[in-house]
N, C-alpha and C. Protein backbone atom coordinates (compact mmCIF):
# COMPACT_ATOMS: atom_id res chain seq x y z
N MET A 1 23.01 -0.38 12.26
CA MET A 1 22.23 -1.76 11.87
C MET A 1 22.48 -2.67 13.62
N ARG A 2 23.18 -1.97 13.89
CA ARG A 2 23.19 -3.02 15.55
C ARG A 2 21.93 -2.75 16.39
N GLU A 3 21.58 -1.50 15.70
CA GLU A 3 20.26 -1.13 17.14
C GLU A 3 19.00 -1.41 16.50
N ILE A 4 19.38 -1.91 15.22
CA ILE A 4 17.48 -2.45 14.43
C ILE A 4 17.97 -3.35 14.59
N GLY A 5 18.55 -4.44 14.71
CA GLY A 5 19.11 -5.31 15.07
C GLY A 5 18.46 -5.73 16.58
N ASN A 6 19.20 -5.37 17.71
CA ASN A 6 18.80 -5.31 19.08
C ASN A 6 17.53 -4.93 19.41
N GLY A 7 16.61 -3.61 18.82
CA GLY A 7 15.21 -3.69 18.42
C GLY A 7 14.73 -4.59 18.19
N PHE A 8 14.73 -5.70 16.82
CA PHE A 8 14.22 -6.56 16.60
C PHE A 8 14.44 -7.70 17.54
N ARG A 9 15.26 -8.15 18.53
CA ARG A 9 15.52 -8.68 19.61
C ARG A 9 14.87 -8.35 20.74
N LYS A 10 14.49 -7.10 20.69
CA LYS A 10 13.56 -6.66 22.07
C LYS A 10 11.79 -6.37 22.05
N ILE A 11 11.92 -6.49 20.73
CA ILE A 11 10.62 -6.84 20.15
C ILE A 11 10.04 -8.27 20.45
N PHE A 12 10.99 -8.78 19.80
CA PHE A 12 10.52 -10.31 19.52
C PHE A 12 10.46 -10.69 21.06
N ARG A 13 11.60 -9.89 22.24
CA ARG A 13 11.22 -10.95 23.15
C ARG A 13 10.08 -10.18 24.30
N LYS A 14 9.97 -8.71 24.01
CA LYS A 14 8.95 -8.10 25.45
C LYS A 14 7.59 -7.90 24.44
N ASP A 15 7.92 -7.57 22.93
CA ASP A 15 6.48 -7.28 22.31
C ASP A 15 5.19 -7.90 21.06
N LYS A 16 4.74 -8.68 21.68
CA LYS A 16 4.15 -9.93 20.21
C LYS A 16 3.08 -8.79 19.67
N LYS A 17 2.37 -7.98 20.17
CA LYS A 17 1.15 -7.16 19.35
C LYS A 17 2.53 -6.24 18.61
N ILE A 18 3.34 -5.93 18.94
CA ILE A 18 3.72 -5.34 17.72
C ILE A 18 4.62 -6.38 16.90
N LEU A 19 5.43 -7.16 16.87
CA LEU A 19 5.36 -8.46 16.46
C LEU A 19 4.87 -8.82 15.39
N ILE A 20 3.13 -8.72 16.06
CA ILE A 20 2.52 -9.52 14.59
C ILE A 20 1.84 -8.48 13.82
N LEU A 21 2.04 -7.22 14.17
CA LEU A 21 1.82 -5.79 13.56
C LEU A 21 2.59 -5.83 12.51
N MET A 22 3.91 -6.08 12.62
CA MET A 22 5.16 -5.98 11.21
C MET A 22 4.79 -7.17 10.93
N PHE A 23 4.28 -8.56 11.31
CA PHE A 23 4.12 -9.50 9.92
C PHE A 23 3.37 -9.30 9.59
N VAL A 24 1.89 -8.82 10.07
CA VAL A 24 0.76 -8.61 8.89
C VAL A 24 0.94 -7.50 8.07
N LEU A 25 1.76 -6.56 7.99
CA LEU A 25 2.03 -5.32 7.41
C LEU A 25 3.07 -5.75 6.67
N PHE A 26 4.02 -7.11 6.70
CA PHE A 26 4.65 -7.30 5.97
C PHE A 26 4.37 -8.72 4.94
N ILE A 27 3.12 -8.73 5.79
CA ILE A 27 2.19 -10.12 4.65
C ILE A 27 1.30 -9.24 3.36
N ALA A 28 0.57 -8.08 4.05
CA ALA A 28 0.00 -7.51 3.37
C ALA A 28 0.50 -6.84 2.56
N SER A 29 1.40 -6.03 2.23
CA SER A 29 2.20 -5.44 1.61
C SER A 29 2.77 -6.95 0.30
N GLY A 30 3.60 -7.46 0.96
CA GLY A 30 3.30 -8.64 -0.18
C GLY A 30 2.53 -8.79 -0.97
N VAL A 31 0.91 -9.41 0.14
CA VAL A 31 0.10 -9.69 -1.38
C VAL A 31 -0.36 -8.41 -2.40
N LEU A 32 0.10 -7.06 -1.87
CA LEU A 32 -0.33 -5.85 -2.68
C LEU A 32 0.82 -6.33 -3.67
N ALA A 33 2.26 -6.46 -3.41
CA ALA A 33 2.84 -6.40 -4.59
C ALA A 33 2.46 -7.80 -5.62
N LEU A 34 2.04 -8.86 -5.32
CA LEU A 34 1.91 -9.74 -5.92
C LEU A 34 0.82 -9.71 -6.26
N HIS A 35 0.31 -9.27 -6.32
CA HIS A 35 -1.37 -8.85 -6.69
C HIS A 35 -1.14 -7.81 -8.06
N ALA A 36 -0.26 -6.53 -7.93
CA ALA A 36 -0.18 -5.56 -9.25
C ALA A 36 0.51 -6.56 -10.06
N LEU A 37 1.66 -6.97 -9.40
CA LEU A 37 2.06 -7.80 -10.77
C LEU A 37 1.45 -8.32 -11.40
N PHE A 38 0.76 -9.55 -10.54
CA PHE A 38 0.56 -11.14 -11.85
C PHE A 38 -1.24 -10.05 -12.45
N HIS A 39 -1.80 -9.14 -12.12
CA HIS A 39 -2.92 -8.65 -12.67
C HIS A 39 -2.65 -7.44 -13.73
N PHE A 40 -1.41 -7.06 -13.76
CA PHE A 40 -1.05 -6.04 -15.36
C PHE A 40 -1.55 -6.46 -16.47
N LYS A 41 -2.09 -5.89 -16.90
CA LYS A 41 -2.26 -6.06 -18.44
C LYS A 41 -1.24 -5.23 -19.20
N VAL A 42 0.03 -5.97 -19.30
CA VAL A 42 0.68 -5.02 -19.94
C VAL A 42 0.36 -4.96 -21.58
N GLY A 43 -0.14 -6.55 -22.02
CA GLY A 43 -0.39 -5.63 -23.51
C GLY A 43 -0.54 -4.69 -24.47
N GLY A 44 -1.29 -3.87 -24.14
CA GLY A 44 -1.52 -2.79 -24.68
C GLY A 44 -0.88 -2.14 -23.96
N THR A 45 -0.56 -0.47 -24.94
CA THR A 45 -0.36 0.42 -24.83
C THR A 45 -0.36 0.97 -24.01
N THR A 46 -2.00 1.34 -23.92
CA THR A 46 -2.94 2.42 -22.93
C THR A 46 -3.15 1.72 -21.44
N MET A 47 -3.49 2.07 -20.34
CA MET A 47 -4.39 1.30 -19.28
C MET A 47 -4.85 2.46 -18.34
N TYR A 48 -5.61 1.96 -17.44
CA TYR A 48 -6.30 3.25 -16.80
C TYR A 48 -5.60 3.49 -15.62
N ILE A 49 -4.30 4.19 -15.13
CA ILE A 49 -3.61 4.90 -14.27
C ILE A 49 -4.19 5.31 -13.30
N GLY A 50 -5.14 6.25 -13.39
CA GLY A 50 -5.61 6.86 -11.81
C GLY A 50 -7.76 6.70 -11.76
N TYR A 51 -7.71 7.29 -11.33
CA TYR A 51 -9.40 7.94 -10.91
C TYR A 51 -9.71 8.88 -9.84
N SER A 52 -10.72 9.57 -10.56
CA SER A 52 -10.78 10.44 -9.87
C SER A 52 -12.80 11.33 -10.67
N ASP A 53 -12.13 12.17 -9.49
CA ASP A 53 -14.05 12.86 -10.09
C ASP A 53 -13.65 13.68 -11.53
N ILE A 54 -12.84 13.53 -12.08
CA ILE A 54 -12.54 14.89 -13.42
C ILE A 54 -11.74 13.83 -13.97
N GLY A 55 -11.84 13.21 -14.85
CA GLY A 55 -11.14 12.39 -15.72
C GLY A 55 -11.69 12.30 -16.98
N GLU A 56 -10.78 11.31 -17.69
CA GLU A 56 -11.21 11.71 -19.61
C GLU A 56 -12.25 10.96 -20.07
N PHE A 57 -12.44 9.56 -18.87
CA PHE A 57 -13.86 9.23 -19.62
C PHE A 57 -14.81 9.18 -18.24
N SER A 58 -15.60 10.12 -18.54
CA SER A 58 -16.98 10.36 -17.71
C SER A 58 -17.76 9.22 -17.63
N GLY A 59 -18.59 8.77 -16.16
CA GLY A 59 -18.69 7.91 -16.07
C GLY A 59 -20.46 7.90 -16.23
N GLY A 60 -20.97 8.85 -16.81
CA GLY A 60 -22.36 8.96 -16.58
C GLY A 60 -22.52 10.76 -17.07
N GLU A 61 -24.29 10.32 -16.83
CA GLU A 61 -24.96 12.18 -16.84
C GLU A 61 -23.75 12.80 -15.01
N PHE A 62 -24.27 14.10 -15.67
CA PHE A 62 -23.21 15.00 -14.38
C PHE A 62 -24.40 14.82 -13.23
N SER A 63 -25.65 14.62 -12.71
CA SER A 63 -26.85 14.43 -11.96
C SER A 63 -26.67 12.99 -11.27
N SER A 64 -25.95 12.37 -11.71
CA SER A 64 -26.05 10.79 -10.88
C SER A 64 -24.55 11.25 -10.45
N LEU A 65 -24.56 10.67 -9.09
CA LEU A 65 -23.53 10.58 -8.63
C LEU A 65 -23.14 8.96 -8.00
N TRP A 66 -23.46 8.20 -8.75
CA TRP A 66 -23.09 6.63 -8.63
C TRP A 66 -21.91 6.49 -10.02
N ASN A 67 -22.46 7.09 -11.24
CA ASN A 67 -21.46 7.31 -12.30
C ASN A 67 -20.44 8.14 -12.50
N SER A 68 -20.50 9.04 -11.54
CA SER A 68 -19.79 10.65 -11.66
C SER A 68 -18.65 9.96 -11.63
N GLY A 69 -17.25 10.52 -12.24
CA GLY A 69 -16.19 10.81 -11.90
C GLY A 69 -15.58 9.35 -13.03
N GLY A 70 -14.20 9.66 -12.66
CA GLY A 70 -13.54 9.04 -14.62
C GLY A 70 -12.37 8.64 -14.17
N TYR A 71 -11.77 7.75 -15.38
CA TYR A 71 -10.53 7.41 -15.26
C TYR A 71 -9.43 8.20 -16.36
N ARG A 72 -8.33 8.67 -15.53
CA ARG A 72 -6.81 8.95 -16.75
C ARG A 72 -6.76 7.58 -17.45
N THR A 73 -6.02 7.49 -18.53
CA THR A 73 -5.37 6.97 -19.29
C THR A 73 -4.03 7.14 -19.10
N GLY A 74 -2.66 5.76 -19.50
CA GLY A 74 -1.60 6.11 -19.40
C GLY A 74 -0.67 4.60 -20.02
N GLY A 75 0.39 5.03 -20.14
CA GLY A 75 1.10 4.02 -19.79
C GLY A 75 1.06 2.57 -18.61
N TRP A 76 1.51 1.38 -18.78
CA TRP A 76 1.18 0.58 -18.37
C TRP A 76 2.33 0.43 -16.53
N MET A 77 3.59 1.08 -16.92
CA MET A 77 4.90 1.78 -16.57
C MET A 77 4.91 2.72 -15.21
N ASP A 78 3.45 3.17 -15.56
CA ASP A 78 2.62 4.47 -14.54
C ASP A 78 2.16 3.17 -13.45
N VAL A 79 1.79 2.63 -13.33
CA VAL A 79 1.15 1.24 -12.86
C VAL A 79 1.97 0.41 -12.00
N ALA A 80 3.12 0.60 -12.48
CA ALA A 80 4.60 -0.44 -11.55
C ALA A 80 4.54 0.39 -10.34
N ILE A 81 4.24 1.20 -9.55
CA ILE A 81 4.34 1.87 -8.88
C ILE A 81 3.90 1.17 -7.97
N PHE A 82 2.75 0.89 -7.57
CA PHE A 82 2.33 -0.39 -6.83
C PHE A 82 3.43 -1.73 -6.40
N PRO A 83 4.15 -2.14 -7.31
CA PRO A 83 5.01 -2.84 -6.52
C PRO A 83 5.75 -2.18 -6.09
N ILE A 84 6.23 -1.25 -6.09
CA ILE A 84 7.47 -0.28 -5.47
C ILE A 84 6.95 0.08 -4.33
N LEU A 85 5.75 0.71 -4.28
CA LEU A 85 5.28 1.25 -3.04
C LEU A 85 5.09 0.47 -2.17
N ALA A 86 4.95 -1.01 -2.23
CA ALA A 86 4.43 -2.24 -1.21
C ALA A 86 5.77 -2.74 -0.84
N LEU A 87 6.81 -2.35 -1.47
CA LEU A 87 8.51 -2.97 -1.05
C LEU A 87 8.72 -2.12 -0.25
N ILE A 88 8.19 -1.11 -0.35
CA ILE A 88 8.46 0.54 0.69
C ILE A 88 7.76 -0.07 1.89
N LEU A 89 6.47 0.24 1.81
CA LEU A 89 6.24 -0.18 3.07
C LEU A 89 6.30 -1.90 3.63
N GLY A 90 6.28 -2.74 3.02
CA GLY A 90 6.52 -3.90 4.04
C GLY A 90 7.80 -4.07 4.69
N VAL A 91 8.90 -3.92 3.89
CA VAL A 91 10.48 -3.72 4.59
C VAL A 91 10.68 -1.79 5.05
N PHE A 92 10.71 -1.25 4.60
CA PHE A 92 11.58 -0.09 5.10
C PHE A 92 10.41 0.53 6.37
N HIS A 93 8.89 0.77 6.10
CA HIS A 93 8.55 0.79 6.78
C HIS A 93 8.71 0.04 8.30
N ASN A 94 8.57 -1.19 8.50
CA ASN A 94 8.88 -2.61 9.31
C ASN A 94 10.40 -2.24 9.88
N LEU A 95 11.61 -1.24 9.23
CA LEU A 95 12.93 -0.91 9.60
C LEU A 95 12.56 0.54 10.81
N LEU A 96 11.69 0.87 9.87
CA LEU A 96 11.47 2.17 10.44
C LEU A 96 10.20 2.40 12.18
N ALA A 97 9.46 1.14 11.81
CA ALA A 97 9.19 1.43 12.70
C ALA A 97 10.22 0.60 13.91
N VAL A 98 11.35 -0.12 14.17
CA VAL A 98 12.00 -0.35 15.05
C VAL A 98 12.82 0.42 15.25
N GLN A 99 12.87 1.57 14.55
CA GLN A 99 13.66 2.42 15.19
C GLN A 99 13.03 3.68 16.20
N ILE A 100 11.92 3.56 15.09
CA ILE A 100 10.82 4.59 16.11
C ILE A 100 10.48 3.75 17.72
N TYR A 101 9.80 2.40 17.76
CA TYR A 101 10.16 2.01 19.23
C TYR A 101 11.31 1.95 19.70
N ASN A 102 12.66 1.96 19.34
CA ASN A 102 13.24 2.35 20.24
C ASN A 102 13.60 3.60 20.44
N ARG A 103 13.16 4.88 20.20
CA ARG A 103 13.57 6.14 19.71
C ARG A 103 12.80 6.93 20.81
N ARG A 104 11.18 6.07 20.71
CA ARG A 104 10.04 6.66 21.01
C ARG A 104 9.20 5.81 21.69
N GLY A 105 9.06 4.71 22.12
CA GLY A 105 8.48 3.65 22.49
C GLY A 105 7.18 3.02 21.06
N LYS A 106 6.36 2.13 22.42
CA LYS A 106 6.11 1.08 21.70
C LYS A 106 4.25 1.99 21.20
N GLY A 107 3.67 2.63 21.81
CA GLY A 107 2.66 3.26 21.35
C GLY A 107 3.13 3.90 20.04
N TYR A 108 4.07 4.83 20.04
CA TYR A 108 4.23 5.73 18.42
C TYR A 108 4.15 4.64 17.62
N ALA A 109 4.85 3.44 18.01
CA ALA A 109 5.20 2.64 16.97
C ALA A 109 4.03 1.59 16.56
N GLU A 110 3.43 1.34 17.36
CA GLU A 110 1.96 0.62 17.18
C GLU A 110 1.03 1.65 16.53
N ALA A 111 1.25 2.94 16.78
CA ALA A 111 0.61 3.91 15.59
C ALA A 111 1.23 4.12 14.23
N PHE A 112 2.26 4.11 14.26
CA PHE A 112 3.04 3.91 13.41
C PHE A 112 3.02 2.73 12.07
N LEU A 113 2.66 1.77 12.94
CA LEU A 113 2.13 0.34 12.09
C LEU A 113 1.08 0.42 11.36
N ILE A 114 0.18 0.41 11.89
CA ILE A 114 -1.90 0.71 12.06
C ILE A 114 -1.47 1.35 10.92
N LEU A 115 -0.88 3.04 10.64
CA LEU A 115 -1.11 3.68 10.11
C LEU A 115 -0.47 3.03 8.57
N SER A 116 0.58 2.49 8.54
CA SER A 116 1.30 1.88 7.39
C SER A 116 0.22 0.11 6.79
N LEU A 117 -0.71 0.16 8.01
CA LEU A 117 -1.79 -1.00 7.23
C LEU A 117 -2.47 -0.32 6.17
N ILE A 118 -3.02 0.41 6.85
CA ILE A 118 -4.12 1.52 6.45
C ILE A 118 -4.14 1.83 5.38
N VAL A 119 -1.81 2.47 4.78
CA VAL A 119 -2.04 2.93 3.59
C VAL A 119 -2.07 1.95 2.47
N VAL A 120 -1.74 0.98 3.17
CA VAL A 120 -1.76 -0.67 2.05
C VAL A 120 -3.26 -1.22 2.06
N VAL A 121 -4.23 -1.37 2.75
CA VAL A 121 -4.95 -1.94 2.40
C VAL A 121 -5.85 -0.27 1.20
N GLY A 122 -6.01 0.87 1.94
CA GLY A 122 -6.26 1.77 0.17
C GLY A 122 -5.45 1.79 -0.73
N ALA A 123 -3.85 1.72 -0.20
CA ALA A 123 -2.92 1.31 -1.71
C ALA A 123 -3.96 -0.40 -2.92
N PHE A 124 -4.17 -1.06 -2.09
CA PHE A 124 -5.33 -2.13 -2.91
C PHE A 124 -6.29 -2.34 -3.30
N LEU A 125 -7.45 -1.12 -2.78
CA LEU A 125 -8.20 -0.85 -3.32
C LEU A 125 -8.37 -0.15 -4.39
N PHE A 126 -7.80 1.13 -4.49
CA PHE A 126 -7.45 1.71 -5.15
C PHE A 126 -6.62 1.03 -6.69
N LEU A 127 -5.63 -0.04 -6.17
CA LEU A 127 -5.44 -1.09 -7.91
C LEU A 127 -6.73 -1.91 -8.42
N LEU A 128 -7.23 -2.67 -6.97
CA LEU A 128 -8.53 -3.04 -7.20
C LEU A 128 -9.89 -2.39 -8.53
N ARG A 129 -9.69 -0.73 -7.79
CA ARG A 129 -10.94 -0.16 -8.77
C ARG A 129 -9.67 0.27 -10.24
N LEU A 130 -8.70 0.18 -10.01
CA LEU A 130 -7.86 0.56 -11.40
C LEU A 130 -8.10 -0.86 -12.07
N LEU A 131 -7.69 -1.79 -11.61
CA LEU A 131 -8.17 -2.96 -12.69
C LEU A 131 -9.65 -3.89 -13.20
N GLY A 132 -10.67 -2.65 -12.58
CA GLY A 132 -11.93 -2.40 -12.61
C GLY A 132 -12.48 -3.98 -11.31
N GLU A 133 -11.72 -4.48 -10.77
CA GLU A 133 -12.54 -5.42 -10.61
C GLU A 133 -13.03 -5.26 -9.17
N ILE A 134 -13.32 -4.30 -8.60
CA ILE A 134 -14.67 -3.71 -7.96
C ILE A 134 -15.19 -2.76 -9.05
């Protein structure tokens, strides 16, 4: 724990870019968690839990690329993974980025944080698609 604390102090003093990336990752994952928690429709027994090219509810004729694809249904607890994912990305990836910064350097930590932000944005878009908002 002391190594992580020293790493945070070092980042705070020397590398504002990594500090900004860590803050943006924390805020983005918080937005993902809050959006997921407040937009679940828990009233029904089933809801859409996944989307792929093969699903239970195909969206149109086979030749139509616009409507191809389908949803899978399941219980609403299956979608509760999104707030857990957001917690992991927001908190643990920041701690892991500090460890990477201490052991490998600034470049690796920046790349890891940027990849984590891409995962958060992808999860947010996937959640919006499941909730039918886009």
